[in-house]
Amino acid sequence: MTGQTGRIAWAVTAWLVVVSGLHMWLNLDWSSLRNEWKTEETRKLNVAYIPVT
């Protein structure tokens, strides 16, 4: 039973890594995150607005 338990643990771990990686790749705004790590002089100002018509 130890062999099968180990395989299940590896499968669950692999599944979590794949799902977490896909989530980070698809849902995070990487350009905004990189902008926060830059110095204040090189940052871009991101201004949000609501268009009024």
C-alpha atoms as a PDB file:
ATOM      1  CA  MET A   1       0.000   0.000   0.000  1.00  0.00           C
ATOM      2  CA  THR A   2       2.920   2.358   0.494  1.00  0.00           C
ATOM      3  CA  GLY A   3       3.692   2.374  -3.250  1.00  0.00           C
ATOM      4  CA  GLN A   4       0.167   3.323  -4.214  1.00  0.00           C
ATOM      5  CA  THR A   5      -0.027   5.988  -1.491  1.00  0.00           C
ATOM      6  CA  GLY A   6       3.203   7.517  -2.799  1.00  0.00           C
ATOM      7  CA  ARG A   7       1.884   7.589  -6.362  1.00  0.00           C
ATOM      8  CA  ILE A   8      -1.329   9.258  -5.229  1.00  0.00           C
ATOM      9  CA  ALA A   9       0.657  11.851  -3.265  1.00  0.00           C
ATOM     10  CA  TRP A  10       2.803  12.590  -6.349  1.00  0.00           C
ATOM     11  CA  ALA A  11      -0.295  12.842  -8.552  1.00  0.00           C
ATOM     12  CA  VAL A  12      -1.997  15.261  -6.156  1.00  0.00           C
ATOM     13  CA  THR A  13       1.172  17.347  -5.886  1.00  0.00           C
ATOM     14  CA  ALA A  14       1.579  17.461  -9.672  1.00  0.00           C
ATOM     15  CA  TRP A  15      -2.071  18.463 -10.092  1.00  0.00           C
ATOM     16  CA  LEU A  16      -1.695  21.304  -7.581  1.00  0.00           C
ATOM     17  CA  VAL A  17       1.463  22.563  -9.300  1.00  0.00           C
ATOM     18  CA  VAL A  18      -0.193  22.494 -12.745  1.00  0.00           C
ATOM     19  CA  VAL A  19      -3.388  24.220 -11.601  1.00  0.00           C
ATOM     20  CA  SER A  20      -1.481  26.850  -9.608  1.00  0.00           C
ATOM     21  CA  GLY A  21       0.857  27.508 -12.538  1.00  0.00           C
ATOM     22  CA  LEU A  22      -2.025  27.915 -14.969  1.00  0.00           C
ATOM     23  CA  HIS A  23      -3.788  30.245 -12.538  1.00  0.00           C
ATOM     24  CA  MET A  24      -0.703  32.442 -12.228  1.00  0.00           C
ATOM     25  CA  TRP A  25      -0.104  32.457 -15.988  1.00  0.00           C
ATOM     26  CA  LEU A  26      -3.699  33.271 -16.947  1.00  0.00           C
ATOM     27  CA  ASN A  27      -5.013  35.454 -14.113  1.00  0.00           C
ATOM     28  CA  LEU A  28      -2.189  37.602 -12.798  1.00  0.00           C
ATOM     29  CA  ASP A  29      -1.427  40.994 -14.316  1.00  0.00           C
ATOM     30  CA  TRP A  30       2.326  40.525 -14.721  1.00  0.00           C
ATOM     31  CA  SER A  31       3.008  43.993 -16.160  1.00  0.00           C
ATOM     32  CA  SER A  32       1.407  45.644 -13.139  1.00  0.00           C
ATOM     33  CA  LEU A  33       3.340  43.392 -10.786  1.00  0.00           C
ATOM     34  CA  ARG A  34       6.660  44.195 -12.530  1.00  0.00           C
ATOM     35  CA  ASN A  35       5.789  47.899 -12.387  1.00  0.00           C
ATOM     36  CA  GLU A  36       5.493  47.751  -8.586  1.00  0.00           C
ATOM     37  CA  TRP A  37       9.033  46.352  -8.286  1.00  0.00           C
ATOM     38  CA  LYS A  38      10.605  49.201 -10.283  1.00  0.00           C
ATOM     39  CA  THR A  39      12.077  52.322  -8.722  1.00  0.00           C
ATOM     40  CA  GLU A  40       9.807  55.303  -8.394  1.00  0.00           C
ATOM     41  CA  GLU A  41      11.516  57.151 -11.264  1.00  0.00           C
ATOM     42  CA  THR A  42      10.974  54.335 -13.781  1.00  0.00           C
ATOM     43  CA  ARG A  43       7.420  53.356 -12.835  1.00  0.00           C
ATOM     44  CA  LYS A  44       4.541  53.988 -15.170  1.00  0.00           C
ATOM     45  CA  LEU A  45       1.513  55.734 -13.720  1.00  0.00           C
ATOM     46  CA  ASN A  46      -1.573  53.581 -14.208  1.00  0.00           C
ATOM     47  CA  VAL A  47      -4.672  55.732 -14.099  1.00  0.00           C
ATOM     48  CA  ALA A  48      -8.068  54.115 -14.014  1.00  0.00           C
ATOM     49  CA  TYR A  49     -11.111  56.023 -15.125  1.00  0.00           C
ATOM     50  CA  ILE A  50     -14.790  55.479 -15.683  1.00  0.00           C
ATOM     51  CA  PRO A  51     -15.934  56.871 -19.018  1.00  0.00           C
ATOM     52  CA  VAL A  52     -19.040  59.008 -18.700  1.00  0.00           C
ATOM     53  CA  THR A  53     -21.288  59.224 -21.698  1.00  0.00           C
END
